[in-house]
Amino acid sequence: MNAQPERRLAMAAAVGLGCVLLVLFVSAAIRLGAEVFTASEMKILRGVHRSAASLEVLAMVAAAWLAWRMRANQPVIALAAALTVALSVLGILAGQQPPPLAAYGNLTLGLALAASFAWLLGRTSDSKANRVAHLAAALVVVQVLLGAWIALYSETLWSWALVAHALLGLALAAGAMWLAARIERAAARFALAGLALAVPAAGFASALFDLPLGATLAHAAAAALFVSAAAYGHARIA
């Protein structure tokens, strides 16, 4: 595989990932801060949301074109393209005040799109299958679905879903810390360890202190980054 097209594909994937993460964070801010932000601030947030979503579409088109020319990573590109189309259609149909089911779809599909870009960014041609990586990826998916359910559907804070979400989150954090200790590069080691600690810490702060906006947004941002890091790591070793 030529190095230059591969670098361009990685750049397109990185831009797409950054845009999706920004969209996820701003979406959470819009949903959770309706009673906190002023009308002008909400207008700015919606403008950032639309701009980042539009740039993600351009990054998706560029990645699809490069992958088609390279004849590489076509299944994950097709998945990312399908998710982009689905999110665009869902956003148009649901409008600015989406019902809970549409919001759930936006959140879970958005995280899946972020994971797709992160997986594409981390993919290597000489990787080998690893069952532990597949199991970890499945647990992350379950954790994402539980978190989205709690955020959008749970009528009471303390529920079976929250307990399962907390226990699974602690288990994933412990696994991420173990993996971080085995990474040679210091920057990557500390980044993964920081995310592993930040996600449950912000989540517990959000639950124990009556869901303050700052802790909730921090939990959402850290979780999106953790999902992306997990997808990137899976692509590197699976």
C-alpha atoms as a PDB file:
ATOM      1  CA  MET A   1       0.000   0.000   0.000  1.00  0.00           C
ATOM      2  CA  ASN A   2       1.420   3.392  -0.978  1.00  0.00           C
ATOM      3  CA  ALA A   3       2.383   5.568   1.968  1.00  0.00           C
ATOM      4  CA  GLN A   4       1.043   8.848   0.554  1.00  0.00           C
ATOM      5  CA  PRO A   5      -2.579   7.719  -0.054  1.00  0.00           C
ATOM      6  CA  GLU A   6      -2.535   5.918   3.293  1.00  0.00           C
ATOM      7  CA  ARG A   7      -1.504   9.132   5.065  1.00  0.00           C
ATOM      8  CA  ARG A   8      -4.261  11.034   3.273  1.00  0.00           C
ATOM      9  CA  LEU A   9      -6.806   8.425   4.304  1.00  0.00           C
ATOM     10  CA  ALA A  10      -5.585   8.656   7.900  1.00  0.00           C
ATOM     11  CA  MET A  11      -5.903  12.453   7.748  1.00  0.00           C
ATOM     12  CA  ALA A  12      -9.469  12.219   6.416  1.00  0.00           C
ATOM     13  CA  ALA A  13     -10.328   9.738   9.168  1.00  0.00           C
ATOM     14  CA  ALA A  14      -8.774  12.005  11.812  1.00  0.00           C
ATOM     15  CA  VAL A  15     -10.738  15.026  10.571  1.00  0.00           C
ATOM     16  CA  GLY A  16     -13.937  12.980  10.484  1.00  0.00           C
ATOM     17  CA  LEU A  17     -13.316  11.682  14.005  1.00  0.00           C
ATOM     18  CA  GLY A  18     -12.658  15.174  15.342  1.00  0.00           C
ATOM     19  CA  CYS A  19     -15.837  16.504  13.753  1.00  0.00           C
ATOM     20  CA  VAL A  20     -17.982  13.671  15.114  1.00  0.00           C
ATOM     21  CA  LEU A  21     -16.585  14.122  18.628  1.00  0.00           C
ATOM     22  CA  LEU A  22     -17.326  17.849  18.423  1.00  0.00           C
ATOM     23  CA  VAL A  23     -20.869  17.150  17.212  1.00  0.00           C
ATOM     24  CA  LEU A  24     -21.438  14.691  20.076  1.00  0.00           C
ATOM     25  CA  PHE A  25     -20.180  17.159  22.679  1.00  0.00           C
ATOM     26  CA  VAL A  26     -22.168  20.104  21.312  1.00  0.00           C
ATOM     27  CA  SER A  27     -25.284  17.924  21.012  1.00  0.00           C
ATOM     28  CA  ALA A  28     -24.961  16.998  24.683  1.00  0.00           C
ATOM     29  CA  ALA A  29     -24.512  20.663  25.596  1.00  0.00           C
ATOM     30  CA  ILE A  30     -27.623  21.632  23.617  1.00  0.00           C
ATOM     31  CA  ARG A  31     -29.703  18.837  25.135  1.00  0.00           C
ATOM     32  CA  LEU A  32     -28.559  19.319  28.732  1.00  0.00           C
ATOM     33  CA  GLY A  33     -28.082  23.084  28.781  1.00  0.00           C
ATOM     34  CA  ALA A  34     -31.435  24.238  27.439  1.00  0.00           C
ATOM     35  CA  GLU A  35     -32.214  25.934  30.763  1.00  0.00           C
ATOM     36  CA  VAL A  36     -28.668  27.209  31.321  1.00  0.00           C
ATOM     37  CA  PHE A  37     -27.529  28.793  28.058  1.00  0.00           C
ATOM     38  CA  THR A  38     -29.001  31.996  26.655  1.00  0.00           C
ATOM     39  CA  ALA A  39     -30.750  32.136  23.285  1.00  0.00           C
ATOM     40  CA  SER A  40     -27.664  33.632  21.618  1.00  0.00           C
ATOM     41  CA  GLU A  41     -25.411  30.957  23.137  1.00  0.00           C
ATOM     42  CA  MET A  42     -27.750  28.225  21.924  1.00  0.00           C
ATOM     43  CA  LYS A  43     -27.648  29.777  18.454  1.00  0.00           C
ATOM     44  CA  ILE A  44     -23.843  29.624  18.490  1.00  0.00           C
ATOM     45  CA  LEU A  45     -23.906  26.002  19.651  1.00  0.00           C
ATOM     46  CA  ARG A  46     -26.304  25.041  16.869  1.00  0.00           C
ATOM     47  CA  GLY A  47     -24.081  26.821  14.337  1.00  0.00           C
ATOM     48  CA  VAL A  48     -21.033  24.893  15.558  1.00  0.00           C
ATOM     49  CA  HIS A  49     -23.070  21.680  15.393  1.00  0.00           C
ATOM     50  CA  ARG A  50     -24.114  22.282  11.774  1.00  0.00           C
ATOM     51  CA  SER A  51     -20.605  23.336  10.698  1.00  0.00           C
ATOM     52  CA  ALA A  52     -18.928  20.304  12.277  1.00  0.00           C
ATOM     53  CA  ALA A  53     -21.554  17.952  10.821  1.00  0.00           C
ATOM     54  CA  SER A  54     -21.053  19.431   7.343  1.00  0.00           C
ATOM     55  CA  LEU A  55     -17.270  19.103   7.604  1.00  0.00           C
ATOM     56  CA  GLU A  56     -17.696  15.474   8.700  1.00  0.00           C
ATOM     57  CA  VAL A  57     -19.633  14.767   5.504  1.00  0.00           C
ATOM     58  CA  LEU A  58     -16.771  16.218   3.438  1.00  0.00           C
ATOM     59  CA  ALA A  59     -14.247  14.118   5.379  1.00  0.00           C
ATOM     60  CA  MET A  60     -16.427  11.055   4.790  1.00  0.00           C
ATOM     61  CA  VAL A  61     -16.530  11.706   1.038  1.00  0.00           C
ATOM     62  CA  ALA A  62     -12.745  12.161   0.946  1.00  0.00           C
ATOM     63  CA  ALA A  63     -12.157   8.959   2.939  1.00  0.00           C
ATOM     64  CA  ALA A  64     -14.543   6.998   0.715  1.00  0.00           C
ATOM     65  CA  TRP A  65     -12.802   8.249  -2.441  1.00  0.00           C
ATOM     66  CA  LEU A  66      -9.335   7.385  -1.110  1.00  0.00           C
ATOM     67  CA  ALA A  67     -10.422   3.956   0.143  1.00  0.00           C
ATOM     68  CA  TRP A  68     -12.034   3.192  -3.221  1.00  0.00           C
ATOM     69  CA  ARG A  69      -8.833   4.135  -5.062  1.00  0.00           C
ATOM     70  CA  MET A  70      -6.692   2.101  -2.645  1.00  0.00           C
ATOM     71  CA  ARG A  71      -9.105  -0.858  -2.579  1.00  0.00           C
ATOM     72  CA  ALA A  72      -8.662  -0.938   1.205  1.00  0.00           C
ATOM     73  CA  ASN A  73     -10.857  -0.781   4.321  1.00  0.00           C
ATOM     74  CA  GLN A  74     -13.991  -0.709   2.188  1.00  0.00           C
ATOM     75  CA  PRO A  75     -16.358  -2.434   4.700  1.00  0.00           C
ATOM     76  CA  VAL A  76     -15.692   0.093   7.478  1.00  0.00           C
ATOM     77  CA  ILE A  77     -15.897   2.953   4.969  1.00  0.00           C
ATOM     78  CA  ALA A  78     -19.276   1.640   3.813  1.00  0.00           C
ATOM     79  CA  LEU A  79     -20.410   1.452   7.446  1.00  0.00           C
ATOM     80  CA  ALA A  80     -19.247   5.017   8.154  1.00  0.00           C
ATOM     81  CA  ALA A  81     -20.987   6.263   5.003  1.00  0.00           C
ATOM     82  CA  ALA A  82     -24.227   4.491   5.951  1.00  0.00           C
ATOM     83  CA  LEU A  83     -24.066   5.950   9.468  1.00  0.00           C
ATOM     84  CA  THR A  84     -23.454   9.433   8.051  1.00  0.00           C
ATOM     85  CA  VAL A  85     -26.502   9.155   5.787  1.00  0.00           C
ATOM     86  CA  ALA A  86     -28.647   7.736   8.599  1.00  0.00           C
ATOM     87  CA  LEU A  87     -27.650  10.529  10.982  1.00  0.00           C
ATOM     88  CA  SER A  88     -28.309  13.174   8.333  1.00  0.00           C
ATOM     89  CA  VAL A  89     -31.785  11.812   7.593  1.00  0.00           C
ATOM     90  CA  LEU A  90     -32.561  11.401  11.292  1.00  0.00           C
ATOM     91  CA  GLY A  91     -31.450  14.962  12.010  1.00  0.00           C
ATOM     92  CA  ILE A  92     -33.648  16.364   9.240  1.00  0.00           C
ATOM     93  CA  LEU A  93     -36.714  14.369  10.305  1.00  0.00           C
ATOM     94  CA  ALA A  94     -36.335  14.910  14.069  1.00  0.00           C
ATOM     95  CA  GLY A  95     -35.633  18.657  13.951  1.00  0.00           C
ATOM     96  CA  GLN A  96     -34.235  20.748  16.801  1.00  0.00           C
ATOM     97  CA  GLN A  97     -36.420  19.124  19.472  1.00  0.00           C
ATOM     98  CA  PRO A  98     -36.056  15.390  18.768  1.00  0.00           C
ATOM     99  CA  PRO A  99     -38.216  12.893  20.679  1.00  0.00           C
ATOM    100  CA  PRO A 100     -36.368  10.500  23.034  1.00  0.00           C
ATOM    101  CA  LEU A 101     -36.155   7.674  20.492  1.00  0.00           C
ATOM    102  CA  ALA A 102     -34.623   9.972  17.866  1.00  0.00           C
ATOM    103  CA  ALA A 103     -32.204  11.393  20.448  1.00  0.00           C
ATOM    104  CA  TYR A 104     -31.218   7.834  21.403  1.00  0.00           C
ATOM    105  CA  GLY A 105     -30.567   7.042  17.753  1.00  0.00           C
ATOM    106  CA  ASN A 106     -28.533  10.219  17.296  1.00  0.00           C
ATOM    107  CA  LEU A 107     -26.365   9.420  20.315  1.00  0.00           C
ATOM    108  CA  THR A 108     -25.718   5.739  19.618  1.00  0.00           C
ATOM    109  CA  LEU A 109     -25.240   6.157  15.862  1.00  0.00           C
ATOM    110  CA  GLY A 110     -22.956   9.139  16.477  1.00  0.00           C
ATOM    111  CA  LEU A 111     -20.771   7.096  18.818  1.00  0.00           C
ATOM    112  CA  ALA A 112     -20.740   4.278  16.258  1.00  0.00           C
ATOM    113  CA  LEU A 113     -19.599   6.749  13.590  1.00  0.00           C
ATOM    114  CA  ALA A 114     -16.835   8.054  15.873  1.00  0.00           C
ATOM    115  CA  ALA A 115     -15.733   4.474  16.511  1.00  0.00           C
ATOM    116  CA  SER A 116     -15.719   3.782  12.751  1.00  0.00           C
ATOM    117  CA  PHE A 117     -13.423   6.726  12.045  1.00  0.00           C
ATOM    118  CA  ALA A 118     -11.180   5.804  14.993  1.00  0.00           C
ATOM    119  CA  TRP A 119     -11.008   2.186  13.828  1.00  0.00           C
ATOM    120  CA  LEU A 120     -10.098   3.331  10.321  1.00  0.00           C
ATOM    121  CA  LEU A 121      -7.410   5.593  11.770  1.00  0.00           C
ATOM    122  CA  GLY A 122      -5.848   2.782  13.754  1.00  0.00           C
ATOM    123  CA  ARG A 123      -6.153   0.003  11.198  1.00  0.00           C
ATOM    124  CA  THR A 124      -2.938  -1.767  10.142  1.00  0.00           C
ATOM    125  CA  SER A 125      -2.524  -4.374   7.434  1.00  0.00           C
ATOM    126  CA  ASP A 126      -0.386  -6.744   9.506  1.00  0.00           C
ATOM    127  CA  SER A 127      -2.695  -7.128  12.499  1.00  0.00           C
ATOM    128  CA  LYS A 128      -3.787 -10.498  13.888  1.00  0.00           C
ATOM    129  CA  ALA A 129      -7.043 -11.636  15.425  1.00  0.00           C
ATOM    130  CA  ASN A 130      -7.341 -11.199  19.170  1.00  0.00           C
ATOM    131  CA  ARG A 131     -10.361 -12.578  21.040  1.00  0.00           C
ATOM    132  CA  VAL A 132      -9.752 -10.337  24.043  1.00  0.00           C
ATOM    133  CA  ALA A 133      -9.982  -7.276  21.793  1.00  0.00           C
ATOM    134  CA  HIS A 134     -13.285  -8.508  20.359  1.00  0.00           C
ATOM    135  CA  LEU A 135     -14.693  -9.143  23.843  1.00  0.00           C
ATOM    136  CA  ALA A 136     -13.606  -5.698  25.035  1.00  0.00           C
ATOM    137  CA  ALA A 137     -15.231  -4.097  21.990  1.00  0.00           C
ATOM    138  CA  ALA A 138     -18.496  -5.928  22.715  1.00  0.00           C
ATOM    139  CA  LEU A 139     -18.446  -4.743  26.345  1.00  0.00           C
ATOM    140  CA  VAL A 140     -17.858  -1.151  25.224  1.00  0.00           C
ATOM    141  CA  VAL A 141     -20.902  -1.418  22.935  1.00  0.00           C
ATOM    142  CA  VAL A 142     -23.034  -2.672  25.843  1.00  0.00           C
ATOM    143  CA  GLN A 143     -21.734   0.165  28.020  1.00  0.00           C
ATOM    144  CA  VAL A 144     -22.607   2.760  25.375  1.00  0.00           C
ATOM    145  CA  LEU A 145     -26.150   1.423  24.996  1.00  0.00           C
ATOM    146  CA  LEU A 146     -26.655   1.414  28.769  1.00  0.00           C
ATOM    147  CA  GLY A 147     -25.346   4.967  29.089  1.00  0.00           C
ATOM    148  CA  ALA A 148     -27.555   6.253  26.292  1.00  0.00           C
ATOM    149  CA  TRP A 149     -30.588   4.523  27.831  1.00  0.00           C
ATOM    150  CA  ILE A 150     -29.923   6.119  31.230  1.00  0.00           C
ATOM    151  CA  ALA A 151     -29.394   9.575  29.729  1.00  0.00           C
ATOM    152  CA  LEU A 152     -32.588   9.570  27.689  1.00  0.00           C
ATOM    153  CA  TYR A 153     -35.058   7.130  29.230  1.00  0.00           C
ATOM    154  CA  SER A 154     -34.328   6.574  32.915  1.00  0.00           C
ATOM    155  CA  GLU A 155     -37.016   8.316  34.995  1.00  0.00           C
ATOM    156  CA  THR A 156     -35.217   7.703  38.293  1.00  0.00           C
ATOM    157  CA  LEU A 157     -31.494   8.162  38.837  1.00  0.00           C
ATOM    158  CA  TRP A 158     -30.817   4.953  40.747  1.00  0.00           C
ATOM    159  CA  SER A 159     -31.945   1.952  38.720  1.00  0.00           C
ATOM    160  CA  TRP A 160     -30.713  -1.459  37.588  1.00  0.00           C
ATOM    161  CA  ALA A 161     -29.380   0.147  34.411  1.00  0.00           C
ATOM    162  CA  LEU A 162     -27.282   2.638  36.395  1.00  0.00           C
ATOM    163  CA  VAL A 163     -25.876  -0.097  38.660  1.00  0.00           C
ATOM    164  CA  ALA A 164     -24.958  -2.239  35.644  1.00  0.00           C
ATOM    165  CA  HIS A 165     -23.520   0.810  33.885  1.00  0.00           C
ATOM    166  CA  ALA A 166     -21.401   1.719  36.916  1.00  0.00           C
ATOM    167  CA  LEU A 167     -20.078  -1.813  37.488  1.00  0.00           C
ATOM    168  CA  LEU A 168     -19.274  -2.376  33.826  1.00  0.00           C
ATOM    169  CA  GLY A 169     -17.660   1.063  33.665  1.00  0.00           C
ATOM    170  CA  LEU A 170     -15.383   0.221  36.580  1.00  0.00           C
ATOM    171  CA  ALA A 171     -14.455  -3.097  34.951  1.00  0.00           C
ATOM    172  CA  LEU A 172     -13.643  -1.393  31.640  1.00  0.00           C
ATOM    173  CA  ALA A 173     -11.656   1.299  33.453  1.00  0.00           C
ATOM    174  CA  ALA A 174      -9.624  -1.372  35.243  1.00  0.00           C
ATOM    175  CA  GLY A 175      -8.978  -3.140  31.945  1.00  0.00           C
ATOM    176  CA  ALA A 176      -7.944   0.119  30.303  1.00  0.00           C
ATOM    177  CA  MET A 177      -5.553   0.879  33.172  1.00  0.00           C
ATOM    178  CA  TRP A 178      -4.008  -2.587  32.797  1.00  0.00           C
ATOM    179  CA  LEU A 179      -3.598  -2.006  29.063  1.00  0.00           C
ATOM    180  CA  ALA A 180      -2.160   1.474  29.632  1.00  0.00           C
ATOM    181  CA  ALA A 181       0.517   0.027  31.898  1.00  0.00           C
ATOM    182  CA  ARG A 182       1.667  -2.187  29.013  1.00  0.00           C
ATOM    183  CA  ILE A 183       1.928   0.612  26.421  1.00  0.00           C
ATOM    184  CA  GLU A 184       5.488   1.702  25.690  1.00  0.00           C
ATOM    185  CA  ARG A 185       4.788   5.260  24.493  1.00  0.00           C
ATOM    186  CA  ALA A 186       4.408   7.538  27.509  1.00  0.00           C
ATOM    187  CA  ALA A 187       1.954   9.948  25.858  1.00  0.00           C
ATOM    188  CA  ALA A 188      -0.403   7.152  24.800  1.00  0.00           C
ATOM    189  CA  ARG A 189      -0.049   5.449  28.189  1.00  0.00           C
ATOM    190  CA  PHE A 190      -0.989   8.560  30.164  1.00  0.00           C
ATOM    191  CA  ALA A 191      -3.771   9.509  27.727  1.00  0.00           C
ATOM    192  CA  LEU A 192      -5.460   6.112  28.042  1.00  0.00           C
ATOM    193  CA  ALA A 193      -4.993   6.045  31.816  1.00  0.00           C
ATOM    194  CA  GLY A 194      -6.433   9.548  32.090  1.00  0.00           C
ATOM    195  CA  LEU A 195      -9.508   8.602  30.070  1.00  0.00           C
ATOM    196  CA  ALA A 196      -9.949   5.406  32.081  1.00  0.00           C
ATOM    197  CA  LEU A 197     -10.083   7.487  35.267  1.00  0.00           C
ATOM    198  CA  ALA A 198     -12.006  10.467  33.870  1.00  0.00           C
ATOM    199  CA  VAL A 199     -15.015   8.531  32.549  1.00  0.00           C
ATOM    200  CA  PRO A 200     -16.094   6.863  35.831  1.00  0.00           C
ATOM    201  CA  ALA A 201     -15.033   9.867  37.936  1.00  0.00           C
ATOM    202  CA  ALA A 202     -17.207  12.265  35.942  1.00  0.00           C
ATOM    203  CA  GLY A 203     -20.018   9.717  35.859  1.00  0.00           C
ATOM    204  CA  PHE A 204     -20.046   9.260  39.629  1.00  0.00           C
ATOM    205  CA  ALA A 205     -19.835  13.035  40.137  1.00  0.00           C
ATOM    206  CA  SER A 206     -22.807  13.480  37.821  1.00  0.00           C
ATOM    207  CA  ALA A 207     -24.845  10.842  39.681  1.00  0.00           C
ATOM    208  CA  LEU A 208     -23.917  11.796  43.243  1.00  0.00           C
ATOM    209  CA  PHE A 209     -24.159  15.578  42.927  1.00  0.00           C
ATOM    210  CA  ASP A 210     -27.581  15.895  41.293  1.00  0.00           C
ATOM    211  CA  LEU A 211     -26.399  15.847  37.657  1.00  0.00           C
ATOM    212  CA  PRO A 212     -24.540  19.185  37.408  1.00  0.00           C
ATOM    213  CA  LEU A 213     -24.072  20.321  33.818  1.00  0.00           C
ATOM    214  CA  GLY A 214     -20.271  20.431  34.001  1.00  0.00           C
ATOM    215  CA  ALA A 215     -19.892  16.881  35.326  1.00  0.00           C
ATOM    216  CA  THR A 216     -22.453  15.522  32.882  1.00  0.00           C
ATOM    217  CA  LEU A 217     -20.763  17.150  29.883  1.00  0.00           C
ATOM    218  CA  ALA A 218     -17.355  15.981  31.118  1.00  0.00           C
ATOM    219  CA  HIS A 219     -18.686  12.434  31.398  1.00  0.00           C
ATOM    220  CA  ALA A 220     -20.172  12.590  27.887  1.00  0.00           C
ATOM    221  CA  ALA A 221     -16.964  13.985  26.369  1.00  0.00           C
ATOM    222  CA  ALA A 222     -14.697  11.514  28.174  1.00  0.00           C
ATOM    223  CA  ALA A 223     -16.970   8.615  27.212  1.00  0.00           C
ATOM    224  CA  ALA A 224     -16.918   9.594  23.524  1.00  0.00           C
ATOM    225  CA  LEU A 225     -13.121   9.841  23.621  1.00  0.00           C
ATOM    226  CA  PHE A 226     -12.889   6.489  25.421  1.00  0.00           C
ATOM    227  CA  VAL A 227     -15.092   4.792  22.811  1.00  0.00           C
ATOM    228  CA  SER A 228     -12.903   6.253  20.055  1.00  0.00           C
ATOM    229  CA  ALA A 229      -9.730   5.137  21.841  1.00  0.00           C
ATOM    230  CA  ALA A 230     -11.183   1.642  22.253  1.00  0.00           C
ATOM    231  CA  ALA A 231     -12.014   1.443  18.541  1.00  0.00           C
ATOM    232  CA  TYR A 232      -8.535   2.699  17.634  1.00  0.00           C
ATOM    233  CA  GLY A 233      -6.925   0.131  19.932  1.00  0.00           C
ATOM    234  CA  HIS A 234      -9.117  -2.649  18.552  1.00  0.00           C
ATOM    235  CA  ALA A 235      -8.010  -1.806  15.015  1.00  0.00           C
ATOM    236  CA  ARG A 236      -4.370  -1.955  16.088  1.00  0.00           C
ATOM    237  CA  ILE A 237      -4.497  -5.392  17.715  1.00  0.00           C
ATOM    238  CA  ALA A 238      -7.537  -7.226  16.296  1.00  0.00           C
END
